Amino acid sequence: MGARTRPPRLRGRWARAYLDGVIVDVTRTRLAEAALRAGEERFRHLAEHATDLICRYSPDGVCLYASPSAVTITGYKPNELIGRSAYDFIHPDDAESSAATHVKVLMADARETVTYRFRRKDGVWIWMQSVIHGTRDGETHALIDLSASARDITERRGENWRRAARPSMRWGTRCRSSKRC
């Protein structure tokens, strides 16, 4: 850094000038800002290319961010989810368990998994599974927001139910045809 100055003139004579100031090394700040920008860019790239639905919610459950995969999974564009409560889309029978999970995340520094039915834009109910955790302030430990990663498990859930039902159905059939039952 260089600067060239000329002394000021006062009443036609050269006068002495003094410069007061503080020089601050901002190298660390600039490096931290660059690292933060790079981290945000990596997160944005992951969120925009993930097959899971990535969302951020306010502590009261209002959507602040939804990844582009929202269209594929739910039929809603991200801007159609932003500003709305997550509970607007959850099946009434699953609202209580979802709210209980929400409270657990609010009260503790925990990562919770919840399974629920979600109403797609076309009106069809699908099974979703979300992993939710809170982001807290490093100093005050106050909750800033909630992050969730959700996926459609409708097909997997249906297959698990069919698989679980098969043995009992076979036993019931065998029992009906056997004289020992």
Protein backbone atom coordinates (compact mmCIF):
# COMPACT_ATOMS: atom_id res chain seq x y z
CA MET A 1 0.00 0.00 0.00
CA GLY A 2 1.37 3.39 -0.84
CA ALA A 3 0.16 6.94 -0.58
CA ARG A 4 1.67 10.22 -1.63
CA THR A 5 0.77 13.38 0.12
CA ARG A 6 1.90 16.96 0.05
CA PRO A 7 1.95 19.03 3.15
CA PRO A 8 -0.96 21.48 3.33
CA ARG A 9 -0.42 25.18 2.91
CA LEU A 10 -1.54 27.49 5.64
CA ARG A 11 -1.49 31.27 4.99
CA GLY A 12 0.88 30.75 2.11
CA ARG A 13 3.38 28.73 4.12
CA TRP A 14 3.94 25.07 4.28
CA ALA A 15 2.44 23.62 7.42
CA ARG A 16 3.01 20.37 9.18
CA ALA A 17 0.22 17.85 8.84
CA TYR A 18 -0.48 14.88 11.02
CA LEU A 19 -2.34 11.80 10.07
CA ASP A 20 -4.16 9.85 12.73
CA GLY A 21 -5.56 6.47 11.97
CA VAL A 22 -5.58 2.78 12.66
CA ILE A 23 -4.39 0.11 10.32
CA VAL A 24 -6.22 -3.15 10.69
CA ASP A 25 -5.13 -6.39 9.11
CA VAL A 26 -8.32 -7.78 7.53
CA THR A 27 -6.64 -10.83 6.00
CA ARG A 28 -8.29 -13.28 8.42
CA THR A 29 -11.68 -11.68 7.94
CA ARG A 30 -11.37 -11.84 4.15
CA LEU A 31 -10.22 -15.48 4.30
CA ALA A 32 -13.13 -16.36 6.60
CA GLU A 33 -15.59 -14.61 4.26
CA ALA A 34 -14.15 -16.49 1.28
CA ALA A 35 -14.40 -19.80 3.16
CA LEU A 36 -18.00 -19.00 4.11
CA ARG A 37 -18.89 -18.18 0.50
CA ALA A 38 -17.25 -21.42 -0.67
CA GLY A 39 -19.15 -23.41 1.97
CA GLU A 40 -22.44 -21.80 1.00
CA GLU A 41 -21.73 -22.54 -2.65
CA ARG A 42 -21.01 -26.22 -1.85
CA PHE A 43 -24.23 -26.45 0.21
CA ARG A 44 -26.24 -24.80 -2.56
CA HIS A 45 -24.77 -27.21 -5.12
CA LEU A 46 -25.61 -30.21 -2.92
CA ALA A 47 -29.13 -28.98 -2.18
CA GLU A 48 -29.88 -28.17 -5.80
CA HIS A 49 -28.69 -31.54 -7.11
CA ALA A 50 -29.89 -33.83 -4.31
CA THR A 51 -32.68 -36.30 -4.96
CA ASP A 52 -33.94 -35.79 -1.38
CA LEU A 53 -35.99 -32.73 -0.58
CA ILE A 54 -33.86 -30.35 1.50
CA CYS A 55 -35.76 -27.71 3.50
CA ARG A 56 -35.08 -25.07 6.11
CA TYR A 57 -37.85 -24.12 8.51
CA SER A 58 -38.32 -21.40 11.09
CA PRO A 59 -38.67 -22.72 14.66
CA ASP A 60 -42.48 -22.52 14.30
CA GLY A 61 -42.43 -24.73 11.18
CA VAL A 62 -42.73 -22.20 8.34
CA CYS A 63 -40.70 -23.13 5.27
CA LEU A 64 -37.79 -20.75 4.59
CA TYR A 65 -36.08 -22.73 1.82
CA ALA A 66 -36.98 -25.73 -0.34
CA SER A 67 -34.62 -27.38 -2.81
CA PRO A 68 -35.51 -27.81 -6.49
CA SER A 69 -36.21 -31.53 -5.91
CA ALA A 70 -39.50 -30.40 -4.34
CA VAL A 71 -41.05 -30.47 -7.81
CA THR A 72 -40.06 -34.09 -8.43
CA ILE A 73 -41.12 -35.37 -5.01
CA THR A 74 -44.16 -33.25 -4.12
CA GLY A 75 -45.26 -31.58 -7.33
CA TYR A 76 -44.86 -28.15 -5.69
CA LYS A 77 -42.33 -25.60 -6.89
CA PRO A 78 -40.01 -24.43 -4.10
CA ASN A 79 -41.65 -20.98 -4.01
CA GLU A 80 -45.05 -22.66 -3.43
CA LEU A 81 -43.70 -24.23 -0.22
CA ILE A 82 -41.79 -21.21 1.07
CA GLY A 83 -43.82 -19.20 3.58
CA ARG A 84 -46.20 -22.08 4.34
CA SER A 85 -46.32 -24.27 7.41
CA ALA A 86 -45.08 -27.84 7.06
CA TYR A 87 -48.31 -28.91 8.78
CA ASP A 88 -50.36 -27.64 5.82
CA PHE A 89 -49.23 -30.74 3.91
CA ILE A 90 -49.13 -33.42 6.63
CA HIS A 91 -52.00 -35.92 6.96
CA PRO A 92 -54.19 -35.11 10.01
CA ASP A 93 -53.61 -38.61 11.46
CA ASP A 94 -49.82 -37.99 11.39
CA ALA A 95 -49.85 -34.41 12.68
CA GLU A 96 -49.55 -35.40 16.35
CA SER A 97 -46.45 -37.60 15.89
CA SER A 98 -44.91 -34.97 13.61
CA ALA A 99 -45.54 -32.25 16.20
CA ALA A 100 -44.00 -34.42 18.93
CA THR A 101 -40.85 -34.83 16.83
CA HIS A 102 -40.83 -31.09 16.17
CA VAL A 103 -40.95 -30.39 19.91
CA LYS A 104 -38.09 -32.85 20.58
CA VAL A 105 -35.89 -31.01 18.10
CA LEU A 106 -36.88 -27.63 19.56
CA MET A 107 -36.14 -28.68 23.14
CA ALA A 108 -32.91 -30.63 22.66
CA ASP A 109 -29.92 -30.56 20.42
CA ALA A 110 -31.11 -33.73 18.69
CA ARG A 111 -31.45 -35.22 15.25
CA GLU A 112 -34.85 -36.90 14.87
CA THR A 113 -36.47 -39.04 12.18
CA VAL A 114 -40.19 -38.91 11.51
CA THR A 115 -42.40 -40.78 9.04
CA TYR A 116 -45.65 -39.20 7.86
CA ARG A 117 -48.03 -38.85 4.94
CA PHE A 118 -47.62 -35.79 2.74
CA ARG A 119 -50.25 -34.41 0.35
CA ARG A 120 -48.74 -33.89 -3.09
CA LYS A 121 -49.91 -31.03 -5.28
CA ASP A 122 -52.07 -33.48 -7.29
CA GLY A 123 -53.87 -34.47 -4.04
CA VAL A 124 -52.26 -37.90 -3.71
CA TRP A 125 -50.92 -38.85 -0.26
CA ILE A 126 -47.36 -40.19 -0.25
CA TRP A 127 -45.27 -41.54 2.62
CA MET A 128 -42.31 -39.34 3.50
CA GLN A 129 -39.47 -39.81 5.94
CA SER A 130 -37.60 -36.76 7.23
CA VAL A 131 -34.47 -36.36 9.28
CA ILE A 132 -34.72 -33.06 11.16
CA HIS A 133 -32.20 -31.17 13.25
CA GLY A 134 -31.88 -27.68 14.62
CA THR A 135 -29.24 -25.07 13.84
CA ARG A 136 -28.23 -23.24 16.99
CA ASP A 137 -26.29 -20.06 17.67
CA GLY A 138 -22.75 -20.94 18.75
CA GLU A 139 -22.68 -18.52 21.67
CA THR A 140 -26.24 -18.35 23.01
CA HIS A 141 -27.30 -21.84 21.89
CA ALA A 142 -30.60 -20.29 20.75
CA LEU A 143 -32.39 -22.13 17.95
CA ILE A 144 -31.95 -20.34 14.62
CA ASP A 145 -33.80 -22.68 12.27
CA LEU A 146 -34.56 -26.32 11.48
CA SER A 147 -33.07 -28.28 8.60
CA ALA A 148 -34.77 -31.30 7.12
CA SER A 149 -33.88 -33.88 4.53
CA ALA A 150 -36.97 -35.74 3.30
CA ARG A 151 -37.55 -38.57 0.87
CA ASP A 152 -40.52 -40.36 -0.64
CA ILE A 153 -40.69 -43.86 0.91
CA THR A 154 -44.11 -44.82 -0.48
CA GLU A 155 -42.83 -47.77 -2.55
CA ARG A 156 -40.48 -49.04 0.15
CA ARG A 157 -43.17 -48.75 2.82
CA GLY A 158 -45.68 -50.66 0.69
CA GLU A 159 -43.16 -53.45 0.04
CA ASN A 160 -42.35 -53.74 3.76
CA TRP A 161 -46.04 -54.07 4.61
CA ARG A 162 -46.54 -56.76 1.99
CA ARG A 163 -43.45 -58.65 3.17
CA ALA A 164 -44.52 -58.44 6.83
CA ALA A 165 -48.04 -59.65 6.00
CA ARG A 166 -46.97 -62.75 4.00
CA PRO A 167 -45.98 -65.06 6.89
CA SER A 168 -49.19 -64.42 8.82
CA MET A 169 -51.24 -64.90 5.67
CA ARG A 170 -49.51 -68.24 4.99
CA TRP A 171 -49.95 -69.34 8.58
CA GLY A 172 -53.63 -68.36 8.45
CA THR A 173 -54.14 -70.31 5.22
CA ARG A 174 -52.36 -73.38 6.55
CA CYS A 175 -54.30 -73.17 9.78
CA ARG A 176 -57.65 -73.03 8.01
CA SER A 177 -56.82 -76.12 5.97
CA SER A 178 -55.33 -78.09 8.86
CA LYS A 179 -57.41 -80.09 11.33
CA ARG A 180 -54.91 -79.38 14.13
CA CYS A 181 -55.74 -75.66 14.40
